[in-house]
PDB file of N, CA and C in Angstrom:
ATOM      1  N   UNK A   1     229.834-124.891 113.200  1.00  0.00           N
ATOM      2  CA  UNK A   1     230.895-123.865 113.288  1.00  0.00           C
ATOM      3  C   UNK A   1     231.694-123.992 114.498  1.00  0.00           C
ATOM      4  N   UNK A   2     233.035-124.114 114.372  1.00  0.00           N
ATOM      5  CA  UNK A   2     233.883-124.272 115.611  1.00  0.00           C
ATOM      6  C   UNK A   2     234.279-122.984 116.000  1.00  0.00           C
ATOM      7  N   UNK A   3     234.568-121.885 115.141  1.00  0.00           N
ATOM      8  CA  UNK A   3     235.049-120.704 115.623  1.00  0.00           C
ATOM      9  C   UNK A   3     234.575-119.578 114.630  1.00  0.00           C
ATOM     10  N   UNK A   4     234.339-118.297 115.164  1.00  0.00           N
ATOM     11  CA  UNK A   4     233.939-117.355 114.272  1.00  0.00           C
ATOM     12  C   UNK A   4     234.611-115.951 114.673  1.00  0.00           C
ATOM     13  N   UNK A   5     233.835-115.010 115.023  1.00  0.00           N
ATOM     14  CA  UNK A   5     234.415-113.719 115.432  1.00  0.00           C
ATOM     15  C   UNK A   5     235.126-113.776 116.849  1.00  0.00           C
ATOM     16  N   UNK A   6     236.300-113.319 116.835  1.00  0.00           N
ATOM     17  CA  UNK A   6     237.068-113.426 118.097  1.00  0.00           C
ATOM     18  C   UNK A   6     237.725-111.962 118.226  1.00  0.00           C
ATOM     19  N   UNK A   7     237.038-111.095 119.122  1.00  0.00           N
ATOM     20  CA  UNK A   7     237.630-109.716 119.209  1.00  0.00           C
ATOM     21  C   UNK A   7     239.003-109.623 119.548  1.00  0.00           C
ATOM     22  N   UNK A   8     239.620-110.592 120.305  1.00  0.00           N
ATOM     23  CA  UNK A   8     240.995-110.389 120.660  1.00  0.00           C
ATOM     24  C   UNK A   8     241.931-110.930 119.556  1.00  0.00           C
ATOM     25  N   UNK A   9     241.484-111.365 118.530  1.00  0.00           N
ATOM     26  CA  UNK A   9     242.387-111.915 117.468  1.00  0.00           C
ATOM     27  C   UNK A   9     242.879-110.780 116.526  1.00  0.00           C
ATOM     28  N   UNK A  10     244.078-111.070 116.149  1.00  0.00           N
ATOM     29  CA  UNK A  10     244.717-110.101 115.071  1.00  0.00           C
ATOM     30  C   UNK A  10     244.568-110.699 113.626  1.00  0.00           C
ATOM     31  N   UNK A  11     243.846-111.843 113.498  1.00  0.00           N
ATOM     32  CA  UNK A  11     243.591-112.402 112.138  1.00  0.00           C
ATOM     33  C   UNK A  11     242.269-111.897 111.610  1.00  0.00           C
ATOM     34  N   UNK A  12     241.903-112.456 110.500  1.00  0.00           N
ATOM     35  CA  UNK A  12     240.542-112.054 109.759  1.00  0.00           C
ATOM     36  C   UNK A  12     239.392-112.418 110.885  1.00  0.00           C
ATOM     37  N   UNK A  13     239.673-113.371 111.827  1.00  0.00           N
ATOM     38  CA  UNK A  13     238.609-113.559 112.947  1.00  0.00           C
ATOM     39  C   UNK A  13     238.288-112.318 113.674  1.00  0.00           C
ATOM     40  N   UNK A  14     239.332-111.597 113.871  1.00  0.00           N
ATOM     41  CA  UNK A  14     239.254-110.349 114.765  1.00  0.00           C
ATOM     42  C   UNK A  14     238.368-109.205 114.212  1.00  0.00           C
ATOM     43  N   UNK A  15     238.168-109.228 112.912  1.00  0.00           N
ATOM     44  CA  UNK A  15     237.349-108.281 112.257  1.00  0.00           C
ATOM     45  C   UNK A  15     236.097-108.904 111.696  1.00  0.00           C
ATOM     46  N   UNK A  16     235.820-110.117 112.139  1.00  0.00           N
ATOM     47  CA  UNK A  16     234.568-110.779 111.682  1.00  0.00           C
ATOM     48  C   UNK A  16     234.512-111.110 110.337  1.00  0.00           C
ATOM     49  N   UNK A  17     235.701-111.478 109.611  1.00  0.00           N
ATOM     50  CA  UNK A  17     235.643-111.905 108.307  1.00  0.00           C
ATOM     51  C   UNK A  17     236.245-113.475 108.024  1.00  0.00           C
ATOM     52  N   UNK A  18     236.090-114.202 109.122  1.00  0.00           N
ATOM     53  CA  UNK A  18     236.580-115.635 109.090  1.00  0.00           C
ATOM     54  C   UNK A  18     235.729-116.440 109.959  1.00  0.00           C
ATOM     55  N   UNK A  19     235.701-117.787 109.423  1.00  0.00           N
ATOM     56  CA  UNK A  19     234.997-118.607 110.247  1.00  0.00           C
ATOM     57  C   UNK A  19     235.667-120.114 110.056  1.00  0.00           C
ATOM     58  N   UNK A  20     235.749-120.811 111.103  1.00  0.00           N
ATOM     59  CA  UNK A  20     236.315-122.110 111.162  1.00  0.00           C
ATOM     60  C   UNK A  20     235.133-123.270 111.189  1.00  0.00           C
ATOM     61  N   UNK A  21     235.109-124.059 110.233  1.00  0.00           N
ATOM     62  CA  UNK A  21     234.073-125.151 110.316  1.00  0.00           C
ATOM     63  C   UNK A  21     234.677-126.502 110.663  1.00  0.00           C
ATOM     64  N   UNK A  22     234.102-127.101 111.719  1.00  0.00           N
ATOM     65  CA  UNK A  22     234.531-128.353 112.120  1.00  0.00           C
ATOM     66  C   UNK A  22     234.516-129.467 111.054  1.00  0.00           C
ATOM     67  N   UNK A  23     235.674-130.184 110.914  1.00  0.00           N
ATOM     68  CA  UNK A  23     235.732-131.162 109.816  1.00  0.00           C
ATOM     69  C   UNK A  23     236.701-132.236 110.181  1.00  0.00           C
ATOM     70  N   UNK A  24     236.280-133.304 110.882  1.00  0.00           N
ATOM     71  CA  UNK A  24     237.093-134.352 111.369  1.00  0.00           C
ATOM     72  C   UNK A  24     237.641-135.393 110.329  1.00  0.00           C
ATOM     73  N   UNK A  25     236.879-135.514 109.170  1.00  0.00           N
ATOM     74  CA  UNK A  25     237.333-136.554 108.265  1.00  0.00           C
ATOM     75  C   UNK A  25     237.814-135.936 106.977  1.00  0.00           C
ATOM     76  N   UNK A  26     238.377-136.589 106.208  1.00  0.00           N
ATOM     77  CA  UNK A  26     238.951-136.096 104.835  1.00  0.00           C
ATOM     78  C   UNK A  26     237.618-135.822 103.894  1.00  0.00           C
ATOM     79  N   UNK A  27     236.701-136.694 104.133  1.00  0.00           N
ATOM     80  CA  UNK A  27     235.474-136.493 103.240  1.00  0.00           C
ATOM     81  C   UNK A  27     234.809-135.256 103.647  1.00  0.00           C
ATOM     82  N   UNK A  28     234.718-134.979 104.940  1.00  0.00           N
ATOM     83  CA  UNK A  28     233.974-133.659 105.232  1.00  0.00           C
ATOM     84  C   UNK A  28     234.863-132.386 104.976  1.00  0.00           C
ATOM     85  N   UNK A  29     236.173-132.535 105.020  1.00  0.00           N
ATOM     86  CA  UNK A  29     237.020-131.389 104.649  1.00  0.00           C
ATOM     87  C   UNK A  29     236.808-131.168 103.069  1.00  0.00           C
ATOM     88  N   UNK A  30     236.772-132.259 102.340  1.00  0.00           N
ATOM     89  CA  UNK A  30     236.615-132.072 100.838  1.00  0.00           C
ATOM     90  C   UNK A  30     235.219-131.472 100.495  1.00  0.00           C
ATOM     91  N   UNK A  31     234.184-131.922 101.216  1.00  0.00           N
ATOM     92  CA  UNK A  31     232.902-131.306 100.851  1.00  0.00           C
ATOM     93  C   UNK A  31     232.792-129.797 101.200  1.00  0.00           C
ATOM     94  N   UNK A  32     233.403-129.417 102.340  1.00  0.00           N
ATOM     95  CA  UNK A  32     233.415-128.108 102.714  1.00  0.00           C
ATOM     96  C   UNK A  32     234.239-127.200 101.702  1.00  0.00           C
ATOM     97  N   UNK A  33     235.533-127.694 101.345  1.00  0.00           N
ATOM     98  CA  UNK A  33     236.330-126.971 100.435  1.00  0.00           C
ATOM     99  C   UNK A  33     235.685-126.949  99.116  1.00  0.00           C
ATOM    100  N   UNK A  34     235.053-127.975  98.707  1.00  0.00           N
ATOM    101  CA  UNK A  34     234.377-127.942  97.236  1.00  0.00           C
ATOM    102  C   UNK A  34     233.257-126.935  97.302  1.00  0.00           C
ATOM    103  N   UNK A  35     232.501-126.919  98.263  1.00  0.00           N
ATOM    104  CA  UNK A  35     231.352-125.947  98.386  1.00  0.00           C
ATOM    105  C   UNK A  35     232.007-124.606  98.605  1.00  0.00           C
ATOM    106  N   UNK A  36     232.986-124.298  99.321  1.00  0.00           N
ATOM    107  CA  UNK A  36     233.536-122.995  99.409  1.00  0.00           C
ATOM    108  C   UNK A  36     234.074-122.539  98.107  1.00  0.00           C
ATOM    109  N   UNK A  37     234.645-123.305  97.350  1.00  0.00           N
ATOM    110  CA  UNK A  37     235.175-122.829  96.065  1.00  0.00           C
ATOM    111  C   UNK A  37     234.059-122.547  95.136  1.00  0.00           C
ATOM    112  N   UNK A  38     232.983-123.336  95.073  1.00  0.00           N
ATOM    113  CA  UNK A  38     231.820-123.110  94.330  1.00  0.00           C
ATOM    114  C   UNK A  38     231.152-121.788  94.536  1.00  0.00           C
ATOM    115  N   UNK A  39     231.116-121.388  95.939  1.00  0.00           N
ATOM    116  CA  UNK A  39     230.503-120.150  96.087  1.00  0.00           C
ATOM    117  C   UNK A  39     231.411-118.906  96.164  1.00  0.00           C
ATOM    118  N   UNK A  40     232.791-119.133  95.857  1.00  0.00           N
ATOM    119  CA  UNK A  40     233.631-117.995  95.605  1.00  0.00           C
ATOM    120  C   UNK A  40     234.594-117.670  96.754  1.00  0.00           C
ATOM    121  N   UNK A  41     234.836-118.509  97.732  1.00  0.00           N
ATOM    122  CA  UNK A  41     235.842-118.168  98.803  1.00  0.00           C
ATOM    123  C   UNK A  41     237.225-118.212  98.065  1.00  0.00           C
ATOM    124  N   UNK A  42     238.096-117.348  98.369  1.00  0.00           N
ATOM    125  CA  UNK A  42     239.435-117.277  97.656  1.00  0.00           C
ATOM    126  C   UNK A  42     240.456-117.464  98.748  1.00  0.00           C
ATOM    127  N   UNK A  43     240.221-117.673  99.947  1.00  0.00           N
ATOM    128  CA  UNK A  43     241.220-117.893 101.151  1.00  0.00           C
ATOM    129  C   UNK A  43     240.607-119.027 101.957  1.00  0.00           C
ATOM    130  N   UNK A  44     241.306-120.282 101.846  1.00  0.00           N
ATOM    131  CA  UNK A  44     240.968-121.398 102.460  1.00  0.00           C
ATOM    132  C   UNK A  44     241.982-122.129 103.145  1.00  0.00           C
ATOM    133  N   UNK A  45     241.898-122.344 104.458  1.00  0.00           N
ATOM    134  CA  UNK A  45     242.914-123.113 105.288  1.00  0.00           C
ATOM    135  C   UNK A  45     242.304-124.496 105.733  1.00  0.00           C
ATOM    136  N   UNK A  46     243.016-125.537 105.190  1.00  0.00           N
ATOM    137  CA  UNK A  46     242.643-126.827 105.544  1.00  0.00           C
ATOM    138  C   UNK A  46     243.474-127.441 106.643  1.00  0.00           C
ATOM    139  N   UNK A  47     242.756-127.731 107.873  1.00  0.00           N
ATOM    140  CA  UNK A  47     243.471-128.224 108.969  1.00  0.00           C
ATOM    141  C   UNK A  47     242.974-129.648 109.312  1.00  0.00           C
ATOM    142  N   UNK A  48     243.661-130.260 110.171  1.00  0.00           N
ATOM    143  CA  UNK A  48     243.310-131.649 110.551  1.00  0.00           C
ATOM    144  C   UNK A  48     241.820-131.771 111.188  1.00  0.00           C
ATOM    145  N   UNK A  49     241.457-130.789 111.862  1.00  0.00           N
ATOM    146  CA  UNK A  49     240.096-130.901 112.478  1.00  0.00           C
ATOM    147  C   UNK A  49     239.080-129.782 112.069  1.00  0.00           C
ATOM    148  N   UNK A  50     239.507-128.825 111.114  1.00  0.00           N
ATOM    149  CA  UNK A  50     238.542-127.817 110.707  1.00  0.00           C
ATOM    150  C   UNK A  50     239.061-127.297 109.469  1.00  0.00           C
ATOM    151  N   UNK A  51     238.120-126.542 108.834  1.00  0.00           N
ATOM    152  CA  UNK A  51     238.399-125.790 107.628  1.00  0.00           C
ATOM    153  C   UNK A  51     238.174-124.360 107.912  1.00  0.00           C
ATOM    154  N   UNK A  52     239.172-123.494 107.572  1.00  0.00           N
ATOM    155  CA  UNK A  52     239.136-122.049 107.877  1.00  0.00           C
ATOM    156  C   UNK A  52     238.698-121.422 106.492  1.00  0.00           C
ATOM    157  N   UNK A  53     237.770-120.520 106.528  1.00  0.00           N
ATOM    158  CA  UNK A  53     237.327-119.694 105.411  1.00  0.00           C
ATOM    159  C   UNK A  53     237.340-118.225 105.828  1.00  0.00           C
ATOM    160  N   UNK A  54     237.915-117.508 104.891  1.00  0.00           N
ATOM    161  CA  UNK A  54     237.777-116.004 105.158  1.00  0.00           C
ATOM    162  C   UNK A  54     237.750-115.134 103.854  1.00  0.00           C
ATOM    163  N   UNK A  55     237.241-113.913 104.149  1.00  0.00           N
ATOM    164  CA  UNK A  55     236.968-112.988 102.891  1.00  0.00           C
ATOM    165  C   UNK A  55     237.741-111.814 103.219  1.00  0.00           C
ATOM    166  N   UNK A  56     238.858-111.794 103.978  1.00  0.00           N
ATOM    167  CA  UNK A  56     239.674-110.613 104.006  1.00  0.00           C
ATOM    168  C   UNK A  56     240.276-109.948 102.837  1.00  0.00           C
ATOM    169  N   UNK A  57     239.811-108.831 102.480  1.00  0.00           N
ATOM    170  CA  UNK A  57     240.296-108.157 101.163  1.00  0.00           C
ATOM    171  C   UNK A  57     241.810-107.658 101.251  1.00  0.00           C
ATOM    172  N   UNK A  58     242.259-107.634 102.568  1.00  0.00           N
ATOM    173  CA  UNK A  58     243.624-107.190 102.743  1.00  0.00           C
ATOM    174  C   UNK A  58     244.699-108.205 102.773  1.00  0.00           C
ATOM    175  N   UNK A  59     244.317-109.392 102.756  1.00  0.00           N
ATOM    176  CA  UNK A  59     245.212-110.470 102.665  1.00  0.00           C
ATOM    177  C   UNK A  59     245.322-111.153 101.354  1.00  0.00           C
ATOM    178  N   UNK A  60     246.456-111.977 101.071  1.00  0.00           N
ATOM    179  CA  UNK A  60     246.644-112.504  99.679  1.00  0.00           C
ATOM    180  C   UNK A  60     245.362-113.293  99.288  1.00  0.00           C
ATOM    181  N   UNK A  61     245.051-113.210  98.031  1.00  0.00           N
ATOM    182  CA  UNK A  61     243.865-113.924  97.465  1.00  0.00           C
ATOM    183  C   UNK A  61     244.270-115.286  96.717  1.00  0.00           C
ATOM    184  N   UNK A  62     243.334-116.065  96.445  1.00  0.00           N
ATOM    185  CA  UNK A  62     243.581-117.292  95.750  1.00  0.00           C
ATOM    186  C   UNK A  62     244.631-118.135  96.474  1.00  0.00           C
ATOM    187  N   UNK A  63     244.345-118.399  97.711  1.00  0.00           N
ATOM    188  CA  UNK A  63     245.491-119.155  98.439  1.00  0.00           C
ATOM    189  C   UNK A  63     244.667-120.206  99.294  1.00  0.00           C
ATOM    190  N   UNK A  64     245.445-121.438  99.496  1.00  0.00           N
ATOM    191  CA  UNK A  64     244.938-122.453 100.284  1.00  0.00           C
ATOM    192  C   UNK A  64     246.163-122.983 101.039  1.00  0.00           C
ATOM    193  N   UNK A  65     245.866-123.301 102.325  1.00  0.00           N
ATOM    194  CA  UNK A  65     247.088-123.651 103.179  1.00  0.00           C
ATOM    195  C   UNK A  65     246.668-124.857 104.059  1.00  0.00           C
ATOM    196  N   UNK A  66     247.698-125.650 104.565  1.00  0.00           N
ATOM    197  CA  UNK A  66     247.356-126.677 105.421  1.00  0.00           C
ATOM    198  C   UNK A  66     247.934-126.346 106.829  1.00  0.00           C
ATOM    199  N   UNK A  67     247.348-126.775 107.860  1.00  0.00           N
ATOM    200  CA  UNK A  67     247.782-126.635 109.166  1.00  0.00           C
ATOM    201  C   UNK A  67     247.178-127.620 110.116  1.00  0.00           C
ATOM    202  N   UNK A  68     247.626-127.604 111.304  1.00  0.00           N
ATOM    203  CA  UNK A  68     247.243-128.486 112.435  1.00  0.00           C
ATOM    204  C   UNK A  68     246.377-127.699 113.397  1.00  0.00           C
ATOM    205  N   UNK A  69     245.179-128.172 113.771  1.00  0.00           N
ATOM    206  CA  UNK A  69     244.232-127.416 114.698  1.00  0.00           C
ATOM    207  C   UNK A  69     244.979-127.273 116.022  1.00  0.00           C
ATOM    208  N   UNK A  70     244.698-126.252 116.778  1.00  0.00           N
ATOM    209  CA  UNK A  70     245.233-126.070 118.111  1.00  0.00           C
ATOM    210  C   UNK A  70     244.391-126.735 119.147  1.00  0.00           C
TER     211      UNK A  70
END
């Protein structure tokens, strides 16, 4: 786990509903995304160095996005 609850964040991390899992290769990103979909995650961010998973009920569902890690 690269990041989890961040009390200063205004994102799903700030309310304890998100986690970032380190994933430096495309194979590890695929494995994480596949597992997340199988167990029911509906919000997934795929970044170059991690995968973001969250369960925020207040944000759009059934979404996946790409980004660059900070």
